[in-house]
């Protein structure tokens, strides 16, 4: 194998040929069971003795795969392993024929469709259509008896190691064009299946691991992507179907399962700007599978895959119950490094319940590069983040993924950071409406909903206390009822739970209105009393002048003193200067006095 045991020999041979200066190109035919990517990586190998690499003496221009057009569909439907055909690379080689064929097609720069003369136009068109679906960027060249002009292979350099190392590009390519209408030629078509619910491992295995595939999935020739297994909430599952061979292997951890402090800068903004990648409830956990098939009914196939996900009842059971589900991949997965790391938190809990002043400050910095400078409203997340990230989106992330069972306490603890973020909003009214929507989802449709619904009043009070909600906004939201005259579902639940807080706001409004009315009445009474007192002083002064005596103080002084007190201009009167019965005849109880003067 030139990837390992013969690697040094290949370097020596190419170096020798290059030194002769007689050749422009070298054609290397690797074994038929080689995979293109490891062959390409051989060019990065450096000889320890000489310090020379293959890349120093030759550049890799093309990876070419020869496709047997007459047999490709039959081989993709084969259940044979390489060992069963005597093609294995060595002991322990458990690869199957169909998987190897797909790997060789997917990572090639040029696909030679050989034996084209043995097929009619429709059959040949079906083969080429399949190749374009599996590898959209490769150049497809027809040949008979493997005859092809050398210049077509040697005259153009197509290979890129960077692209080869990023081999999931074919998945992104398929996703980018999934909405482009296309005529299904020769019965070959593709679609991208996406799901926000995890797969039930046993149902997924029954649907895709059977031989042959049945029902709407019978036309599948190739499936590849990443999946969310209910029993593995901390790590992606790499899934692949080639013909009838279906495999599931551990992938990288979900970002939602990684503590926020370990995220690279800019990732939060990138995820939040892509609504297809992130949801408030489950983070980046989802399934995306590219499905390529012949005579494939996309809608029916998608429904079959939907049946492999958890039901409503299973979803309601929560993550702990999911881990106990039957999983035919458990033993193999754990053997390949897919077991939960010791001390690892659940996927939701590493970010969920993670709202602290420190984590929010870091999140704001990651989303806005340098953070929000206090008082500088022109420097907003909406301007700085990729894709025009909105403040409302970041608040949605916090409510959906970082608040936990003690959400009201977390909100109060993070007052400074939340107020800083809220201050950057260009439309605070719209932001308040968005926040109330996030509260509804938090207490009715999140991992912590069961414990938070009863704390809705405390959550709303905390948001009002720190200035993210106004009382008027809450009352308007509650009265609106989510656009329903009699709210039902989540809208009804959250409004019913909010009743105690809303009742308190209404009572407060009524008390404030009553107090304002009392103050108005009192002010009028005081004005009348002051005018009467002034008139009495003038009369007393007149009488004194007539009698030749000086005027004596009257009750007008204490009246003025109380006017100043009510205007917060002086201390309350002391001693017998004021008697309740003398100047508040309209008050019916001392409680009203307490309310007024409080």
Protein backbone atom coordinates (compact mmCIF):
# COMPACT_ATOMS: atom_id res chain seq x y z
CA UNK A 1 0.00 0.00 0.00
CA UNK A 2 1.52 3.32 -1.07
CA UNK A 3 -0.11 5.02 1.92
CA UNK A 4 2.05 3.13 4.42
CA UNK A 5 4.43 0.26 3.66
CA UNK A 6 5.43 1.53 0.20
CA UNK A 7 5.39 5.23 1.06
CA UNK A 8 9.18 5.52 1.33
CA UNK A 9 9.61 3.58 -1.90
CA UNK A 10 7.26 5.97 -3.68
CA UNK A 11 9.24 8.97 -2.41
CA UNK A 12 12.53 7.43 -3.52
CA UNK A 13 11.20 6.50 -6.96
CA UNK A 14 9.62 9.90 -7.66
CA UNK A 15 12.71 11.74 -6.43
CA UNK A 16 14.86 9.64 -8.76
CA UNK A 17 12.57 10.24 -11.76
CA UNK A 18 12.42 13.97 -11.06
CA UNK A 19 16.21 14.17 -10.83
CA UNK A 20 16.56 12.77 -14.37
CA UNK A 21 14.83 15.87 -15.77
CA UNK A 22 13.28 13.83 -18.60
CA UNK A 23 9.65 13.58 -17.49
CA UNK A 24 6.84 16.09 -17.15
CA UNK A 25 4.26 13.83 -15.49
CA UNK A 26 4.01 10.57 -13.59
CA UNK A 27 0.88 8.40 -13.52
CA UNK A 28 0.60 6.36 -10.32
CA UNK A 29 -1.92 3.52 -10.30
CA UNK A 30 -2.81 2.64 -6.73
CA UNK A 31 -4.55 -0.51 -5.62
CA UNK A 32 -8.22 -0.83 -6.51
CA UNK A 33 -9.04 -0.97 -2.81
CA UNK A 34 -7.24 2.26 -1.96
CA UNK A 35 -9.12 5.29 -0.72
CA UNK A 36 -8.17 8.54 -2.52
CA UNK A 37 -7.78 10.80 0.52
CA UNK A 38 -5.05 8.76 2.29
CA UNK A 39 -3.20 8.52 -1.03
CA UNK A 40 -3.31 12.29 -1.36
CA UNK A 41 -2.10 12.78 2.20
CA UNK A 42 0.97 10.71 1.33
CA UNK A 43 2.28 13.80 -0.45
CA UNK A 44 2.61 15.55 2.90
CA UNK A 45 4.87 12.76 4.23
CA UNK A 46 8.41 13.87 5.10
CA UNK A 47 11.27 11.37 5.22
CA UNK A 48 12.88 11.55 8.66
CA UNK A 49 16.35 10.77 7.33
CA UNK A 50 16.49 13.24 4.43
CA UNK A 51 13.88 15.77 5.50
CA UNK A 52 12.41 15.60 1.99
CA UNK A 53 8.69 15.17 1.32
CA UNK A 54 6.83 13.97 -1.76
CA UNK A 55 5.54 17.50 -2.15
CA UNK A 56 9.14 18.72 -2.57
CA UNK A 57 9.76 16.62 -5.69
CA UNK A 58 6.29 16.39 -7.25
CA UNK A 59 2.90 18.09 -7.01
CA UNK A 60 -0.30 16.11 -7.02
CA UNK A 61 -2.46 17.36 -9.90
CA UNK A 62 -5.42 14.97 -10.07
CA UNK A 63 -7.12 12.11 -8.26
CA UNK A 64 -8.85 9.98 -10.90
CA UNK A 65 -11.40 7.24 -10.29
CA UNK A 66 -12.41 4.84 -13.07
CA UNK A 67 -16.09 3.89 -12.82
CA UNK A 68 -17.38 0.66 -14.32
CA UNK A 69 -20.57 2.12 -15.80
CA UNK A 70 -22.03 -1.29 -16.57
CA UNK A 71 -21.71 -2.54 -12.99
CA UNK A 72 -21.96 0.53 -10.73
CA UNK A 73 -25.62 0.16 -9.72
CA UNK A 74 -25.24 -3.56 -9.09
CA UNK A 75 -22.14 -3.00 -6.95
CA UNK A 76 -23.81 -0.27 -4.93
CA UNK A 77 -26.56 -2.74 -4.09
CA UNK A 78 -24.08 -5.42 -3.06
CA UNK A 79 -23.86 -6.65 0.50
CA UNK A 80 -20.40 -8.16 -0.04
CA UNK A 81 -17.41 -7.19 2.05
CA UNK A 82 -13.92 -6.85 0.58
CA UNK A 83 -12.88 -9.92 2.56
CA UNK A 84 -15.65 -12.01 1.01
CA UNK A 85 -14.25 -11.20 -2.44
CA UNK A 86 -10.63 -11.64 -1.40
CA UNK A 87 -9.90 -7.94 -1.88
CA UNK A 88 -9.12 -7.05 1.72
CA UNK A 89 -6.02 -5.00 2.49
CA UNK A 90 -5.16 -7.32 5.37
CA UNK A 91 -6.54 -9.03 8.44
CA UNK A 92 -9.27 -7.03 10.09
CA UNK A 93 -10.30 -5.16 6.92
CA UNK A 94 -14.08 -5.13 7.38
CA UNK A 95 -14.93 -2.60 4.68
CA UNK A 96 -17.75 -3.37 2.28
CA UNK A 97 -17.65 -2.96 -1.49
CA UNK A 98 -20.41 -0.36 -1.69
CA UNK A 99 -18.78 1.91 0.89
CA UNK A 100 -15.40 1.77 -0.84
CA UNK A 101 -16.95 2.65 -4.21
CA UNK A 102 -18.66 5.71 -2.70
CA UNK A 103 -15.44 6.87 -1.02
CA UNK A 104 -13.53 6.58 -4.29
CA UNK A 105 -16.22 8.55 -6.16
CA UNK A 106 -16.70 11.26 -3.54
CA UNK A 107 -13.08 12.42 -3.28
CA UNK A 108 -12.01 12.23 -6.93
CA UNK A 109 -11.22 15.23 -9.14
CA UNK A 110 -11.92 13.29 -12.34
CA UNK A 111 -14.39 10.45 -12.85
CA UNK A 112 -13.77 8.29 -15.92
CA UNK A 113 -17.04 6.61 -16.87
CA UNK A 114 -15.65 3.53 -18.58
CA UNK A 115 -17.50 0.94 -20.71
CA UNK A 116 -19.77 3.71 -21.98
CA UNK A 117 -20.25 1.71 -25.17
CA UNK A 118 -22.08 -1.04 -23.26
CA UNK A 119 -24.93 1.21 -22.14
CA UNK A 120 -27.74 3.05 -23.89
CA UNK A 121 -28.19 6.80 -23.53
CA UNK A 122 -30.74 6.51 -20.72
CA UNK A 123 -28.63 4.07 -18.69
CA UNK A 124 -25.47 6.10 -19.21
CA UNK A 125 -27.33 9.27 -18.27
CA UNK A 126 -28.50 7.64 -15.04
CA UNK A 127 -24.92 6.69 -14.14
CA UNK A 128 -23.60 10.20 -14.79
CA UNK A 129 -26.49 11.76 -12.91
CA UNK A 130 -25.63 9.62 -9.88
CA UNK A 131 -21.97 10.63 -10.08
CA UNK A 132 -22.88 14.33 -10.23
CA UNK A 133 -25.06 13.92 -7.15
CA UNK A 134 -22.37 12.11 -5.15
CA UNK A 135 -19.55 14.41 -6.30
CA UNK A 136 -20.86 17.69 -7.76
CA UNK A 137 -17.41 19.21 -8.40
CA UNK A 138 -15.65 16.35 -10.23
CA UNK A 139 -15.17 16.44 -14.00
CA UNK A 140 -16.89 13.46 -15.64
CA UNK A 141 -15.28 12.00 -18.76
CA UNK A 142 -16.71 9.11 -20.80
CA UNK A 143 -14.38 6.41 -22.09
CA UNK A 144 -14.44 3.10 -23.91
CA UNK A 145 -11.83 0.44 -23.11
CA UNK A 146 -10.30 3.08 -20.81
CA UNK A 147 -9.10 5.14 -23.77
CA UNK A 148 -8.79 8.86 -22.99
CA UNK A 149 -6.66 11.68 -24.32
CA UNK A 150 -3.68 12.05 -21.91
CA UNK A 151 -3.92 15.85 -22.05
CA UNK A 152 -7.39 15.69 -20.42
CA UNK A 153 -5.80 14.12 -17.35
CA UNK A 154 -2.34 15.64 -17.35
CA UNK A 155 -2.86 19.10 -18.79
CA UNK A 156 -4.97 20.53 -15.96
CA UNK A 157 -4.28 20.55 -12.22
CA UNK A 158 -7.54 20.11 -10.30
CA UNK A 159 -6.45 18.72 -6.94
CA UNK A 160 -6.55 20.82 -3.75
CA UNK A 161 -5.36 19.25 -0.51
CA UNK A 162 -7.29 21.84 1.49
CA UNK A 163 -10.51 20.88 -0.28
CA UNK A 164 -9.74 17.18 0.13
CA UNK A 165 -9.23 17.61 3.87
CA UNK A 166 -12.56 19.41 4.08
CA UNK A 167 -14.41 16.56 2.43
CA UNK A 168 -17.81 17.43 4.05
CA UNK A 169 -17.92 20.24 1.43
CA UNK A 170 -20.00 17.95 -0.75
CA UNK A 171 -22.64 18.02 2.01
CA UNK A 172 -22.60 21.82 2.12
CA UNK A 173 -22.76 21.93 -1.66
CA UNK A 174 -25.86 19.77 -1.66
CA UNK A 175 -27.45 21.83 1.12
CA UNK A 176 -26.73 25.10 -0.68
CA UNK A 177 -28.64 23.95 -3.77
CA UNK A 178 -31.41 22.03 -2.09
CA UNK A 179 -33.99 24.74 -2.87
CA UNK A 180 -33.11 25.01 -6.56
CA UNK A 181 -35.88 23.34 -8.60
CA UNK A 182 -34.48 20.69 -10.91
CA UNK A 183 -35.81 18.20 -13.38
CA UNK A 184 -35.18 14.69 -12.18
CA UNK A 185 -33.17 13.16 -14.99
CA UNK A 186 -32.97 9.42 -15.47
CA UNK A 187 -34.71 8.90 -12.13
CA UNK A 188 -31.66 10.05 -10.10
CA UNK A 189 -32.41 12.76 -7.52
CA UNK A 190 -31.34 13.97 -4.12
CA UNK A 191 -32.69 15.87 -1.14
CA UNK A 192 -31.44 16.96 2.28
CA UNK A 193 -33.33 15.51 5.22
CA UNK A 194 -33.27 17.68 8.35
CA UNK A 195 -34.76 17.01 11.78
CA UNK A 196 -34.75 18.79 15.12
CA UNK A 197 -35.83 15.69 17.01
CA UNK A 198 -33.33 12.96 17.87
CA UNK A 199 -33.45 9.56 16.22
CA UNK A 200 -34.54 6.51 18.18
CA UNK A 201 -31.48 4.29 17.56
CA UNK A 202 -33.42 1.03 17.26
CA UNK A 203 -35.95 2.47 14.80
CA UNK A 204 -33.18 4.07 12.73
CA UNK A 205 -31.35 0.75 12.57
CA UNK A 206 -34.50 -1.10 11.55
CA UNK A 207 -35.19 1.38 8.74
CA UNK A 208 -31.71 1.77 7.25
CA UNK A 209 -29.87 -1.29 8.48
CA UNK A 210 -32.18 -3.82 6.83
CA UNK A 211 -31.20 -5.70 3.65
CA UNK A 212 -32.63 -4.78 1.25
CA UNK A 213 -34.16 -1.43 2.16
CA UNK A 214 -37.94 -1.44 2.14
CA UNK A 215 -40.80 0.90 1.36
CA UNK A 216 -40.08 4.50 0.43
CA UNK A 217 -36.40 4.04 1.35
CA UNK A 218 -35.88 1.22 -1.15
CA UNK A 219 -34.61 3.65 -3.80
CA UNK A 220 -31.82 5.07 -1.61
CA UNK A 221 -28.36 4.52 -3.09
CA UNK A 222 -26.36 6.86 -0.89
CA UNK A 223 -26.99 8.63 2.40
CA UNK A 224 -24.42 10.58 4.35
CA UNK A 225 -24.34 13.25 7.01
CA UNK A 226 -24.56 13.76 10.75
CA UNK A 227 -27.38 12.70 13.04
CA UNK A 228 -28.60 13.25 16.58
CA UNK A 229 -29.16 9.99 18.44
CA UNK A 230 -31.39 10.20 21.50
CA UNK A 231 -28.98 8.02 23.48
CA UNK A 232 -25.97 10.20 22.62
CA UNK A 233 -26.88 13.79 23.42
CA UNK A 234 -23.33 15.04 23.81
CA UNK A 235 -21.89 13.91 20.46
CA UNK A 236 -22.78 13.81 16.77
CA UNK A 237 -23.29 10.54 14.96
CA UNK A 238 -21.69 10.22 11.52
CA UNK A 239 -24.09 8.19 9.41
CA UNK A 240 -23.43 6.66 5.99
CA UNK A 241 -25.41 4.39 3.68
CA UNK A 242 -23.78 2.94 0.57
CA UNK A 243 -26.07 0.58 -1.28
CA UNK A 244 -27.35 -1.59 1.53
CA UNK A 245 -24.51 -0.99 3.99
CA UNK A 246 -25.44 1.39 6.82
CA UNK A 247 -22.92 2.54 9.42
CA UNK A 248 -23.07 4.85 12.45
CA UNK A 249 -19.85 6.15 14.01
CA UNK A 250 -19.08 8.73 16.72
CA UNK A 251 -18.40 12.27 15.51
CA UNK A 252 -17.38 15.50 17.22
CA UNK A 253 -19.19 16.84 20.31
CA UNK A 254 -22.17 19.12 19.87
CA UNK A 255 -21.28 22.72 20.66
CA UNK A 256 -24.18 22.88 23.09
CA UNK A 257 -22.41 20.18 25.13
CA UNK A 258 -19.20 22.21 25.41
CA UNK A 259 -18.92 24.85 28.18
CA UNK A 260 -19.31 28.33 26.76
CA UNK A 261 -15.90 29.37 28.01
CA UNK A 262 -14.28 26.86 25.64
CA UNK A 263 -15.98 28.19 22.50
CA UNK A 264 -13.71 29.93 19.99
CA UNK A 265 -14.27 33.65 19.49
CA UNK A 266 -16.92 34.43 16.91
CA UNK A 267 -18.65 31.05 17.11
CA UNK A 268 -21.64 32.35 19.06
CA UNK A 269 -22.32 35.01 16.45
CA UNK A 270 -21.93 32.49 13.64
CA UNK A 271 -24.34 30.01 15.19
CA UNK A 272 -26.93 32.61 16.15
CA UNK A 273 -26.87 34.15 12.68
CA UNK A 274 -27.71 30.75 11.12
CA UNK A 275 -31.17 29.75 12.28
CA UNK A 276 -30.80 26.42 10.46
CA UNK A 277 -27.89 25.51 12.75
CA UNK A 278 -29.16 26.65 16.14
CA UNK A 279 -32.40 26.43 18.07
CA UNK A 280 -33.10 27.99 21.45
CA UNK A 281 -34.25 24.67 22.89
CA UNK A 282 -31.70 22.15 21.58
CA UNK A 283 -28.74 24.28 20.50
CA UNK A 284 -26.94 22.82 17.48
CA UNK A 285 -28.25 19.29 18.01
CA UNK A 286 -30.04 18.20 14.87
CA UNK A 287 -29.79 15.78 11.94
CA UNK A 288 -28.77 16.63 8.38
CA UNK A 289 -28.59 13.79 5.89
CA UNK A 290 -28.01 14.05 2.15
CA UNK A 291 -30.08 11.36 0.44
CA UNK A 292 -29.34 10.28 -3.15
CA UNK A 293 -31.50 7.70 -4.86
CA UNK A 294 -33.12 6.29 -7.96
CA UNK A 295 -36.88 6.72 -8.45
CA UNK A 296 -36.93 8.23 -4.95
CA UNK A 297 -40.09 9.82 -3.57
CA UNK A 298 -38.58 12.60 -1.43
CA UNK A 299 -41.65 13.30 0.68
CA UNK A 300 -42.35 9.63 1.36
CA UNK A 301 -38.70 8.94 2.19
CA UNK A 302 -38.65 11.92 4.58
CA UNK A 303 -41.78 10.62 6.31
CA UNK A 304 -40.13 7.22 6.78
CA UNK A 305 -37.12 8.93 8.40
CA UNK A 306 -39.47 11.07 10.54
CA UNK A 307 -40.93 7.83 11.93
CA UNK A 308 -37.46 6.98 13.20
CA UNK A 309 -37.36 10.07 15.44
CA UNK A 310 -38.80 10.25 18.95
CA UNK A 311 -42.54 10.60 19.44
CA UNK A 312 -44.17 13.43 21.38
CA UNK A 313 -44.50 11.16 24.41
CA UNK A 314 -40.85 10.09 24.20
CA UNK A 315 -39.71 13.69 23.85
CA UNK A 316 -41.66 14.65 26.97
CA UNK A 317 -39.76 11.98 28.93
CA UNK A 318 -36.57 14.05 28.84
CA UNK A 319 -32.92 13.26 28.21
CA UNK A 320 -32.43 10.89 31.12
CA UNK A 321 -35.18 8.60 29.85
CA UNK A 322 -33.74 8.76 26.32
CA UNK A 323 -30.41 7.30 27.46
CA UNK A 324 -32.22 4.12 28.53
CA UNK A 325 -33.66 3.49 25.03
CA UNK A 326 -32.49 0.33 23.22
CA UNK A 327 -29.42 1.18 21.14
CA UNK A 328 -27.95 -1.39 18.72
CA UNK A 329 -24.91 0.86 18.19
CA UNK A 330 -24.01 1.22 21.87
CA UNK A 331 -21.25 -1.40 22.11
CA UNK A 332 -19.57 -0.48 18.83
CA UNK A 333 -19.92 3.24 19.56
CA UNK A 334 -18.30 2.96 22.98
CA UNK A 335 -15.48 0.93 21.44
CA UNK A 336 -14.77 3.74 18.94
CA UNK A 337 -14.52 6.51 21.52
CA UNK A 338 -18.16 7.45 21.64
CA UNK A 339 -18.73 6.93 25.36
CA UNK A 340 -19.59 9.92 27.53
CA UNK A 341 -16.40 11.48 28.93
CA UNK A 342 -16.09 11.12 32.69
CA UNK A 343 -17.55 14.13 34.45
CA UNK A 344 -19.15 15.37 31.25
CA UNK A 345 -22.36 17.29 31.80
CA UNK A 346 -25.51 16.65 29.85
CA UNK A 347 -25.74 18.51 26.58
CA UNK A 348 -28.24 21.03 27.85
CA UNK A 349 -26.76 21.59 31.29
CA UNK A 350 -23.32 22.74 30.14
CA UNK A 351 -24.89 25.87 28.63
CA UNK A 352 -28.39 25.62 30.03
CA UNK A 353 -28.44 26.96 33.58
CA UNK A 354 -25.22 28.72 32.67
CA UNK A 355 -26.29 32.37 32.87
CA UNK A 356 -23.77 34.10 35.10
CA UNK A 357 -22.36 37.64 34.84
CA UNK A 358 -19.11 36.13 33.57
CA UNK A 359 -20.70 33.87 30.94
CA UNK A 360 -22.97 36.65 29.64
CA UNK A 361 -20.07 39.09 29.45
CA UNK A 362 -18.09 36.54 27.45
CA UNK A 363 -21.07 35.83 25.21
CA UNK A 364 -21.53 39.53 24.46
CA UNK A 365 -17.84 39.86 23.69
CA UNK A 366 -17.89 36.83 21.39
CA UNK A 367 -20.96 38.08 19.58
CA UNK A 368 -19.80 41.66 19.16
CA UNK A 369 -16.04 41.06 18.85
CA UNK A 370 -15.02 43.79 21.29
CA UNK A 371 -18.14 43.90 23.44
CA UNK A 372 -20.59 46.77 23.78
CA UNK A 373 -19.11 50.00 25.04
CA UNK A 374 -21.47 51.37 27.63
CA UNK A 375 -23.28 54.46 26.44
CA UNK A 376 -22.12 54.03 22.87
CA UNK A 377 -25.34 53.05 21.14
CA UNK A 378 -23.76 53.28 17.69
CA UNK A 379 -21.57 50.29 18.51
CA UNK A 380 -24.23 47.62 18.45
CA UNK A 381 -24.16 43.92 17.99
CA UNK A 382 -26.46 44.41 15.03
CA UNK A 383 -23.67 46.33 13.26
CA UNK A 384 -20.68 44.26 14.26
CA UNK A 385 -21.76 40.65 14.15
CA UNK A 386 -21.61 38.60 10.94
CA UNK A 387 -24.91 38.49 9.10
CA UNK A 388 -26.41 41.40 11.02
CA UNK A 389 -27.04 39.61 14.28
CA UNK A 390 -29.87 41.26 16.21
CA UNK A 391 -29.89 42.03 19.92
CA UNK A 392 -33.19 40.14 20.09
CA UNK A 393 -31.50 37.00 18.73
CA UNK A 394 -28.82 37.14 21.39
CA UNK A 395 -31.45 37.59 24.11
CA UNK A 396 -33.29 34.61 22.62
CA UNK A 397 -30.10 32.57 22.92
CA UNK A 398 -29.74 33.55 26.58
CA UNK A 399 -33.35 32.73 27.43
CA UNK A 400 -33.41 29.52 25.41
CA UNK A 401 -30.02 28.05 26.21
CA UNK A 402 -28.57 29.65 29.33
CA UNK A 403 -31.37 30.20 31.84
CA UNK A 404 -32.16 27.25 34.08
CA UNK A 405 -34.44 26.25 36.94
CA UNK A 406 -33.60 29.43 38.89
CA UNK A 407 -34.14 31.77 35.95
CA UNK A 408 -35.49 34.66 38.04
CA UNK A 409 -32.41 34.65 40.27
CA UNK A 410 -30.09 34.41 37.28
CA UNK A 411 -31.81 37.42 35.68
CA UNK A 412 -31.25 39.53 38.80
CA UNK A 413 -27.63 38.36 39.11
CA UNK A 414 -26.95 39.31 35.48
CA UNK A 415 -28.65 42.71 35.66
CA UNK A 416 -25.67 44.73 34.43
CA UNK A 417 -25.00 42.50 31.42
CA UNK A 418 -28.66 42.22 30.42
CA UNK A 419 -29.17 45.99 30.73
CA UNK A 420 -26.05 46.55 28.63
CA UNK A 421 -27.42 44.30 25.92
CA UNK A 422 -30.92 45.81 26.11
CA UNK A 423 -29.46 49.32 25.78
CA UNK A 424 -28.05 48.35 22.37
CA UNK A 425 -31.52 47.64 20.97
CA UNK A 426 -32.62 49.97 18.22
CA UNK A 427 -36.31 49.30 19.04
CA UNK A 428 -36.88 48.59 22.73
CA UNK A 429 -40.61 48.13 22.23
CA UNK A 430 -40.00 45.33 19.76
CA UNK A 431 -37.31 43.89 22.03
CA UNK A 432 -39.75 43.80 24.98
CA UNK A 433 -42.27 41.91 22.85
CA UNK A 434 -39.52 39.48 21.84
CA UNK A 435 -38.52 39.00 25.51
CA UNK A 436 -42.12 38.16 26.47
CA UNK A 437 -42.15 35.58 23.67
CA UNK A 438 -38.90 34.08 25.01
CA UNK A 439 -40.43 33.93 28.51
CA UNK A 440 -43.43 32.03 27.13
CA UNK A 441 -41.18 29.48 25.42
CA UNK A 442 -38.93 29.19 28.48
CA UNK A 443 -41.78 28.34 30.87
CA UNK A 444 -43.91 26.20 28.51
CA UNK A 445 -41.60 24.57 25.95
CA UNK A 446 -38.08 24.12 27.27
CA UNK A 447 -36.09 21.54 29.19
CA UNK A 448 -36.82 23.44 32.42
CA UNK A 449 -40.47 24.26 31.65
CA UNK A 450 -41.96 21.94 34.26
CA UNK A 451 -40.25 23.79 37.11
CA UNK A 452 -40.47 27.27 35.65
CA UNK A 453 -44.14 27.66 34.75
CA UNK A 454 -45.05 28.31 38.38
CA UNK A 455 -42.24 30.87 38.62
CA UNK A 456 -43.56 32.97 35.77
CA UNK A 457 -44.58 35.84 38.13
CA UNK A 458 -41.09 35.90 39.66
CA UNK A 459 -39.45 35.90 36.21
CA UNK A 460 -41.63 38.78 34.99
CA UNK A 461 -41.00 40.72 38.21
CA UNK A 462 -37.24 40.24 37.85
CA UNK A 463 -37.34 41.53 34.27
CA UNK A 464 -39.38 44.55 35.35
CA UNK A 465 -37.07 45.20 38.30
CA UNK A 466 -33.96 45.38 36.10
CA UNK A 467 -35.68 47.47 33.43
CA UNK A 468 -35.96 44.96 30.57
CA UNK A 469 -39.76 45.11 30.74
CA UNK A 470 -42.14 47.93 31.58
CA UNK A 471 -45.35 47.28 33.50
CA UNK A 472 -47.37 48.69 30.61
CA UNK A 473 -45.70 46.23 28.19
CA UNK A 474 -46.59 43.28 30.45
CA UNK A 475 -50.21 44.42 30.84
CA UNK A 476 -50.57 44.94 27.09
CA UNK A 477 -49.06 41.49 26.36
CA UNK A 478 -51.35 39.81 28.88
CA UNK A 479 -54.45 41.57 27.57
CA UNK A 480 -53.53 40.75 23.95
CA UNK A 481 -53.60 37.01 24.67
CA UNK A 482 -51.29 36.15 21.80
CA UNK A 483 -53.89 37.44 19.36
CA UNK A 484 -56.56 35.10 20.77
CA UNK A 485 -59.74 36.19 22.50
CA UNK A 486 -59.39 33.19 24.82
CA UNK A 487 -55.75 32.08 24.76
CA UNK A 488 -55.12 28.34 24.55
CA UNK A 489 -52.02 26.16 24.45
CA UNK A 490 -48.73 27.75 25.46
CA UNK A 491 -50.18 31.28 25.26
CA UNK A 492 -52.99 30.31 27.63
CA UNK A 493 -50.68 28.52 30.06
CA UNK A 494 -48.21 31.36 30.45
CA UNK A 495 -50.93 34.01 30.82
CA UNK A 496 -52.71 31.95 33.45
CA UNK A 497 -49.42 31.48 35.31
CA UNK A 498 -48.72 35.21 35.07
CA UNK A 499 -52.11 36.19 36.61
CA UNK A 500 -50.80 36.84 40.16
CA UNK A 501 -48.16 39.27 38.91
CA UNK A 502 -50.56 40.92 36.45
CA UNK A 503 -53.22 41.26 39.17
CA UNK A 504 -50.61 42.99 41.32
CA UNK A 505 -49.79 45.38 38.47
CA UNK A 506 -53.48 46.18 37.95
CA UNK A 507 -53.98 46.78 41.70
CA UNK A 508 -50.90 48.97 41.75
CA UNK A 509 -52.28 50.97 38.84
CA UNK A 510 -55.61 51.37 40.63
CA UNK A 511 -53.89 52.45 43.87
CA UNK A 512 -51.76 54.90 41.95
CA UNK A 513 -54.84 56.34 40.25
CA UNK A 514 -56.64 56.60 43.60
CA UNK A 515 -53.63 58.24 45.22
CA UNK A 516 -53.34 60.69 42.35
CA UNK A 517 -57.02 61.52 42.72
CA UNK A 518 -56.56 62.02 46.49
CA UNK A 519 -53.57 64.25 45.90
CA UNK A 520 -55.54 66.33 43.39
CA UNK A 521 -58.40 66.66 45.89
CA UNK A 522 -56.02 67.52 48.69
CA UNK A 523 -54.23 70.10 46.60
CA UNK A 524 -57.54 71.78 45.81
CA UNK A 525 -58.51 71.70 49.51
CA UNK A 526 -55.12 73.13 50.47
CA UNK A 527 -55.42 75.88 47.90
CA UNK A 528 -58.87 76.76 49.31
CA UNK A 529 -57.48 76.65 52.85
CA UNK A 530 -54.55 78.85 51.90
CA UNK A 531 -56.81 81.39 50.24
CA UNK A 532 -59.09 81.37 53.30
CA UNK A 533 -56.07 81.69 55.61
CA UNK A 534 -54.68 84.55 53.54
CA UNK A 535 -58.05 86.28 53.61
CA UNK A 536 -58.25 85.73 57.39
CA UNK A 537 -54.75 87.22 57.81
CA UNK A 538 -55.74 90.23 55.79
CA UNK A 539 -58.88 90.67 57.88
CA UNK A 540 -56.93 90.20 61.12
CA UNK A 541 -54.35 92.70 59.94
CA UNK A 542 -57.13 95.15 59.13
CA UNK A 543 -58.71 94.71 62.53
CA UNK A 544 -55.31 95.09 64.19
CA UNK A 545 -54.60 98.31 62.35
CA UNK A 546 -57.97 99.62 63.40
CA UNK A 547 -57.26 98.67 67.02
CA UNK A 548 -53.59 99.70 66.81
CA UNK A 549 -52.32 96.19 67.68
CA UNK A 550 -49.93 93.83 65.78
CA UNK A 551 -51.37 90.78 63.96
CA UNK A 552 -51.03 87.45 65.72
CA UNK A 553 -50.11 84.14 63.98
CA UNK A 554 -52.95 82.08 62.56
CA UNK A 555 -53.30 78.53 61.30
CA UNK A 556 -52.17 79.68 57.85
CA UNK A 557 -48.53 79.00 58.81
CA UNK A 558 -49.10 75.32 59.53
CA UNK A 559 -51.11 75.00 56.32
CA UNK A 560 -48.17 76.37 54.32
CA UNK A 561 -45.82 74.03 56.20
CA UNK A 562 -47.87 71.02 55.07
CA UNK A 563 -47.93 72.22 51.47
CA UNK A 564 -44.13 72.30 51.59
CA UNK A 565 -44.04 68.84 53.16
CA UNK A 566 -46.27 67.37 50.44
CA UNK A 567 -43.95 69.00 47.88
CA UNK A 568 -40.93 67.37 49.56
CA UNK A 569 -39.57 70.76 50.58
CA UNK A 570 -39.46 70.30 54.32
CA UNK A 571 -39.83 67.92 57.27
CA UNK A 572 -43.25 66.78 58.52
CA UNK A 573 -44.85 69.06 61.12
CA UNK A 574 -44.20 68.39 64.77
CA UNK A 575 -46.45 68.79 67.79
CA UNK A 576 -50.02 70.07 67.69
CA UNK A 577 -49.54 72.24 64.61
CA UNK A 578 -51.85 69.99 62.58
CA UNK A 579 -54.96 68.02 63.50
CA UNK A 580 -56.44 65.45 61.13
CA UNK A 581 -60.01 66.56 61.85
CA UNK A 582 -59.12 70.13 60.88
CA UNK A 583 -57.98 69.62 57.30
CA UNK A 584 -58.81 66.30 55.73
CA UNK A 585 -62.56 65.96 56.08
CA UNK A 586 -62.83 63.98 52.81
CA UNK A 587 -60.61 61.12 54.08
CA UNK A 588 -62.54 58.22 55.52
CA UNK A 589 -59.73 56.29 57.21
CA UNK A 590 -56.17 56.54 58.42
CA UNK A 591 -55.24 53.88 55.79
CA UNK A 592 -55.87 56.45 53.09
CA UNK A 593 -53.57 58.84 54.90
CA UNK A 594 -50.85 56.16 54.94
CA UNK A 595 -51.33 55.54 51.23
CA UNK A 596 -51.19 59.23 50.43
CA UNK A 597 -48.13 60.08 52.50
CA UNK A 598 -46.19 56.87 51.79
